[in-house]
């Protein structure tokens, strides 16, 4: 591991694991979508490879093969890759305490 990789890894709030899952990236209230492949993910986000990120807004929803959907925000992008930070939805028990 290089020094730059070590510094980046330390900034992550959640450990990531490698994966290879297909995902549908929904936006425009579900009216538009892109297909992608999740290369690594954590509780807090995912790295997604796609054909092109052109036209993809910052607010998206990732829908996984098993039907699980996670809303998120694109926090990093290149032409063919995005980094998505999942929106953490408070649990019902935490919401009941408010």
N, C-alpha and C. Protein backbone atom coordinates (compact mmCIF):
# COMPACT_ATOMS: atom_id res chain seq x y z
N UNK A 1 0.85 -1.17 0.00
CA UNK A 1 0.00 0.00 0.00
C UNK A 1 0.89 1.24 0.00
N UNK A 2 0.57 2.18 -0.88
CA UNK A 2 1.34 3.41 -0.93
C UNK A 2 0.89 4.34 0.18
N UNK A 3 1.66 5.37 0.42
CA UNK A 3 1.31 6.34 1.46
C UNK A 3 -0.01 7.03 1.13
N UNK A 4 -0.21 7.37 -0.15
CA UNK A 4 -1.45 8.03 -0.56
C UNK A 4 -2.66 7.13 -0.31
N UNK A 5 -2.53 5.84 -0.57
CA UNK A 5 -3.63 4.91 -0.31
C UNK A 5 -3.91 4.81 1.18
N UNK A 6 -2.88 4.80 1.99
CA UNK A 6 -3.04 4.71 3.44
C UNK A 6 -3.77 5.94 3.97
N UNK A 7 -3.42 7.12 3.48
CA UNK A 7 -4.07 8.36 3.92
C UNK A 7 -5.53 8.33 3.52
N UNK A 8 -5.84 7.91 2.27
CA UNK A 8 -7.22 7.86 1.82
C UNK A 8 -8.02 6.85 2.65
N UNK A 9 -7.44 5.71 2.93
CA UNK A 9 -8.12 4.68 3.70
C UNK A 9 -8.46 5.17 5.10
N UNK A 10 -7.58 5.93 5.72
CA UNK A 10 -7.81 6.44 7.07
C UNK A 10 -8.97 7.42 7.11
N UNK A 11 -9.28 8.10 6.01
CA UNK A 11 -10.36 9.08 5.97
C UNK A 11 -11.72 8.42 5.88
N UNK A 12 -11.79 7.16 5.52
CA UNK A 12 -13.06 6.47 5.36
C UNK A 12 -13.67 6.16 6.72
N UNK A 13 -14.95 6.43 6.84
CA UNK A 13 -15.65 6.16 8.10
C UNK A 13 -15.99 4.69 8.25
N UNK A 14 -16.12 3.97 7.12
CA UNK A 14 -16.50 2.56 7.15
C UNK A 14 -15.51 1.75 6.33
N UNK A 15 -15.15 0.55 6.78
CA UNK A 15 -14.27 -0.30 5.96
C UNK A 15 -15.00 -0.75 4.71
N UNK A 16 -14.27 -0.84 3.60
CA UNK A 16 -14.86 -1.26 2.34
C UNK A 16 -14.49 -2.69 2.02
N UNK A 17 -15.34 -3.37 1.27
CA UNK A 17 -15.02 -4.70 0.80
C UNK A 17 -15.23 -4.75 -0.71
N UNK A 18 -14.42 -5.57 -1.38
CA UNK A 18 -14.52 -5.71 -2.82
C UNK A 18 -15.75 -6.53 -3.16
N UNK A 19 -16.38 -6.19 -4.27
CA UNK A 19 -17.57 -6.90 -4.72
C UNK A 19 -17.69 -6.76 -6.23
N UNK A 20 -18.58 -7.49 -6.79
CA UNK A 20 -18.86 -7.41 -8.23
C UNK A 20 -20.36 -7.66 -8.39
N UNK A 21 -21.15 -6.60 -8.22
CA UNK A 21 -22.61 -6.69 -8.27
C UNK A 21 -23.15 -5.73 -9.31
N UNK A 22 -24.17 -6.17 -10.03
CA UNK A 22 -24.83 -5.24 -10.94
C UNK A 22 -25.77 -4.37 -10.13
N UNK A 23 -25.95 -3.16 -10.61
CA UNK A 23 -26.81 -2.20 -9.92
C UNK A 23 -27.49 -1.32 -10.96
N UNK A 24 -28.69 -0.90 -10.65
CA UNK A 24 -29.40 0.07 -11.49
C UNK A 24 -29.36 1.38 -10.73
N UNK A 25 -28.94 2.44 -11.42
CA UNK A 25 -28.82 3.76 -10.81
C UNK A 25 -30.03 4.57 -11.27
N UNK A 26 -30.94 4.85 -10.35
CA UNK A 26 -32.16 5.58 -10.68
C UNK A 26 -32.01 7.06 -10.34
N UNK A 27 -32.64 7.91 -11.18
CA UNK A 27 -32.69 9.35 -10.91
C UNK A 27 -33.90 9.92 -11.62
N UNK A 28 -34.16 11.21 -11.47
CA UNK A 28 -35.37 11.86 -11.99
C UNK A 28 -36.62 11.15 -11.48
N UNK A 29 -36.68 10.94 -10.17
CA UNK A 29 -37.82 10.28 -9.50
C UNK A 29 -38.09 8.91 -10.09
N UNK A 30 -37.03 8.21 -10.49
CA UNK A 30 -37.15 6.87 -11.03
C UNK A 30 -37.47 6.80 -12.51
N UNK A 31 -37.63 7.96 -13.17
CA UNK A 31 -37.98 7.98 -14.59
C UNK A 31 -36.78 7.67 -15.49
N UNK A 32 -35.55 7.84 -14.97
CA UNK A 32 -34.34 7.59 -15.75
C UNK A 32 -33.44 6.65 -14.98
N UNK A 33 -32.63 5.88 -15.73
CA UNK A 33 -31.71 4.97 -15.05
C UNK A 33 -30.50 4.66 -15.91
N UNK A 34 -29.42 4.28 -15.23
CA UNK A 34 -28.20 3.77 -15.85
C UNK A 34 -27.92 2.42 -15.20
N UNK A 35 -27.23 1.56 -15.92
CA UNK A 35 -26.76 0.31 -15.35
C UNK A 35 -25.31 0.48 -14.93
N UNK A 36 -24.91 -0.20 -13.88
CA UNK A 36 -23.53 -0.11 -13.41
C UNK A 36 -23.10 -1.39 -12.71
N UNK A 37 -21.84 -1.41 -12.33
CA UNK A 37 -21.27 -2.52 -11.58
C UNK A 37 -20.61 -1.96 -10.33
N UNK A 38 -21.00 -2.46 -9.18
CA UNK A 38 -20.41 -2.04 -7.91
C UNK A 38 -19.11 -2.81 -7.74
N UNK A 39 -17.99 -2.09 -7.61
CA UNK A 39 -16.67 -2.71 -7.46
C UNK A 39 -16.24 -2.84 -6.01
N UNK A 40 -16.63 -1.89 -5.18
CA UNK A 40 -16.42 -2.03 -3.75
C UNK A 40 -17.48 -1.22 -3.03
N UNK A 41 -17.75 -1.62 -1.79
CA UNK A 41 -18.77 -0.89 -1.05
C UNK A 41 -18.54 -1.04 0.45
N UNK A 42 -19.28 -0.25 1.19
CA UNK A 42 -19.24 -0.28 2.64
C UNK A 42 -20.64 0.08 3.12
N UNK A 43 -20.80 0.17 4.42
CA UNK A 43 -22.08 0.61 4.97
C UNK A 43 -22.40 2.04 4.53
N UNK A 44 -21.35 2.82 4.25
CA UNK A 44 -21.54 4.23 3.95
C UNK A 44 -21.53 4.62 2.49
N UNK A 45 -21.15 3.70 1.57
CA UNK A 45 -21.10 4.09 0.17
C UNK A 45 -20.62 2.99 -0.75
N UNK A 46 -20.47 3.36 -2.02
CA UNK A 46 -20.08 2.39 -3.04
C UNK A 46 -19.32 3.07 -4.17
N UNK A 47 -18.43 2.28 -4.79
CA UNK A 47 -17.75 2.70 -6.01
C UNK A 47 -18.42 1.95 -7.15
N UNK A 48 -18.95 2.70 -8.13
CA UNK A 48 -19.71 2.12 -9.22
C UNK A 48 -19.04 2.45 -10.55
N UNK A 49 -18.86 1.41 -11.37
CA UNK A 49 -18.34 1.58 -12.73
C UNK A 49 -19.53 1.61 -13.68
N UNK A 50 -19.54 2.56 -14.60
CA UNK A 50 -20.63 2.66 -15.56
C UNK A 50 -20.08 3.11 -16.91
N UNK A 51 -20.90 2.98 -17.93
CA UNK A 51 -20.45 3.32 -19.28
C UNK A 51 -20.08 4.80 -19.37
N UNK A 52 -20.90 5.66 -18.80
CA UNK A 52 -20.62 7.09 -18.79
C UNK A 52 -21.38 7.74 -17.65
N UNK A 53 -20.74 8.68 -16.98
CA UNK A 53 -21.43 9.41 -15.91
C UNK A 53 -22.01 10.73 -16.41
N UNK A 54 -21.86 11.00 -17.69
CA UNK A 54 -22.41 12.24 -18.27
C UNK A 54 -23.93 12.22 -18.15
N UNK A 55 -24.48 13.28 -17.63
CA UNK A 55 -25.92 13.41 -17.47
C UNK A 55 -26.46 12.84 -16.17
N UNK A 56 -25.59 12.25 -15.37
CA UNK A 56 -26.01 11.68 -14.09
C UNK A 56 -26.00 12.77 -13.02
N UNK A 57 -27.14 13.02 -12.37
CA UNK A 57 -27.16 14.06 -11.34
C UNK A 57 -26.48 13.58 -10.06
N UNK A 58 -26.36 14.46 -9.09
CA UNK A 58 -25.72 14.11 -7.82
C UNK A 58 -26.60 13.24 -6.93
N UNK A 59 -27.91 13.43 -6.97
CA UNK A 59 -28.82 12.64 -6.14
C UNK A 59 -29.32 11.44 -6.92
N UNK A 60 -29.00 10.23 -6.42
CA UNK A 60 -29.34 8.99 -7.12
C UNK A 60 -29.87 7.97 -6.11
N UNK A 61 -30.39 6.88 -6.64
CA UNK A 61 -30.77 5.74 -5.82
C UNK A 61 -30.17 4.50 -6.48
N UNK A 62 -29.44 3.71 -5.71
CA UNK A 62 -28.88 2.47 -6.22
C UNK A 62 -29.83 1.33 -5.88
N UNK A 63 -30.22 0.56 -6.90
CA UNK A 63 -31.08 -0.59 -6.70
C UNK A 63 -30.27 -1.82 -7.05
N UNK A 64 -30.05 -2.68 -6.04
CA UNK A 64 -29.21 -3.86 -6.19
C UNK A 64 -30.00 -5.05 -6.72
N UNK A 65 -29.27 -6.09 -7.13
CA UNK A 65 -29.86 -7.30 -7.71
C UNK A 65 -30.95 -7.90 -6.83
N UNK A 66 -30.78 -7.84 -5.52
CA UNK A 66 -31.75 -8.45 -4.60
C UNK A 66 -32.95 -7.55 -4.32
N UNK A 67 -33.03 -6.38 -4.97
CA UNK A 67 -34.14 -5.46 -4.79
C UNK A 67 -33.90 -4.39 -3.74
N UNK A 68 -32.80 -4.51 -2.98
CA UNK A 68 -32.46 -3.50 -1.98
C UNK A 68 -32.17 -2.17 -2.67
N UNK A 69 -32.74 -1.10 -2.16
CA UNK A 69 -32.52 0.24 -2.72
C UNK A 69 -31.86 1.12 -1.67
N UNK A 70 -30.86 1.89 -2.10
CA UNK A 70 -30.16 2.80 -1.19
C UNK A 70 -30.06 4.17 -1.85
N UNK A 71 -30.70 5.18 -1.26
CA UNK A 71 -30.53 6.54 -1.78
C UNK A 71 -29.14 7.04 -1.45
N UNK A 72 -28.60 7.88 -2.34
CA UNK A 72 -27.26 8.40 -2.08
C UNK A 72 -26.95 9.64 -2.88
N UNK A 73 -25.75 10.13 -2.66
CA UNK A 73 -25.27 11.33 -3.34
C UNK A 73 -23.93 11.01 -3.98
N UNK A 74 -23.78 11.41 -5.25
CA UNK A 74 -22.50 11.22 -5.94
C UNK A 74 -21.52 12.22 -5.35
N UNK A 75 -20.44 11.70 -4.77
CA UNK A 75 -19.45 12.56 -4.11
C UNK A 75 -18.12 12.59 -4.87
N UNK A 76 -17.98 11.69 -5.85
CA UNK A 76 -16.78 11.64 -6.67
C UNK A 76 -17.17 11.07 -8.01
N UNK A 77 -16.61 11.63 -9.09
CA UNK A 77 -16.93 11.09 -10.40
C UNK A 77 -15.80 11.28 -11.39
N UNK A 78 -15.67 10.32 -12.27
CA UNK A 78 -14.85 10.42 -13.47
C UNK A 78 -15.80 10.10 -14.62
N UNK A 79 -15.29 9.99 -15.82
CA UNK A 79 -16.16 9.71 -16.96
C UNK A 79 -16.86 8.36 -16.82
N UNK A 80 -16.19 7.37 -16.24
CA UNK A 80 -16.77 6.01 -16.18
C UNK A 80 -16.90 5.45 -14.77
N UNK A 81 -16.81 6.28 -13.76
CA UNK A 81 -16.83 5.80 -12.39
C UNK A 81 -17.44 6.86 -11.48
N UNK A 82 -18.23 6.40 -10.50
CA UNK A 82 -18.76 7.33 -9.50
C UNK A 82 -18.54 6.75 -8.10
N UNK A 83 -18.39 7.64 -7.15
CA UNK A 83 -18.37 7.28 -5.74
C UNK A 83 -19.65 7.81 -5.13
N UNK A 84 -20.43 6.93 -4.53
CA UNK A 84 -21.73 7.31 -3.97
C UNK A 84 -21.69 7.17 -2.46
N UNK A 85 -22.07 8.22 -1.75
CA UNK A 85 -22.22 8.17 -0.30
C UNK A 85 -23.69 7.91 -0.02
N UNK A 86 -23.97 6.82 0.69
CA UNK A 86 -25.36 6.49 1.00
C UNK A 86 -25.91 7.48 2.01
N UNK A 87 -27.19 7.82 1.83
CA UNK A 87 -27.89 8.63 2.81
C UNK A 87 -28.27 7.69 3.94
N UNK A 88 -27.84 8.00 5.13
CA UNK A 88 -28.14 7.15 6.26
C UNK A 88 -29.52 7.49 6.79
N UNK A 89 -30.42 6.53 6.67
CA UNK A 89 -31.80 6.72 7.11
C UNK A 89 -31.88 6.33 8.58
N UNK A 90 -32.37 7.22 9.44
CA UNK A 90 -32.42 6.89 10.87
C UNK A 90 -33.36 5.71 11.11
N UNK A 91 -33.00 4.89 12.07
CA UNK A 91 -33.84 3.75 12.41
C UNK A 91 -35.09 4.24 13.12
N UNK A 92 -36.12 3.41 13.14
CA UNK A 92 -37.38 3.79 13.79
C UNK A 92 -37.18 4.03 15.27
N UNK A 93 -36.33 3.23 15.92
CA UNK A 93 -36.12 3.42 17.35
C UNK A 93 -35.43 4.75 17.63
N UNK A 94 -34.49 5.14 16.76
CA UNK A 94 -33.81 6.43 16.95
C UNK A 94 -34.78 7.58 16.70
N UNK A 95 -35.67 7.41 15.70
CA UNK A 95 -36.64 8.47 15.39
C UNK A 95 -37.65 8.62 16.52
N UNK A 96 -37.97 7.53 17.19
CA UNK A 96 -38.93 7.57 18.29
C UNK A 96 -38.39 8.35 19.48
N UNK A 97 -37.05 8.42 19.61
CA UNK A 97 -36.46 9.14 20.73
C UNK A 97 -36.51 10.64 20.56
N UNK A 98 -36.70 11.12 19.33
CA UNK A 98 -36.71 12.57 19.07
C UNK A 98 -37.97 13.23 19.55
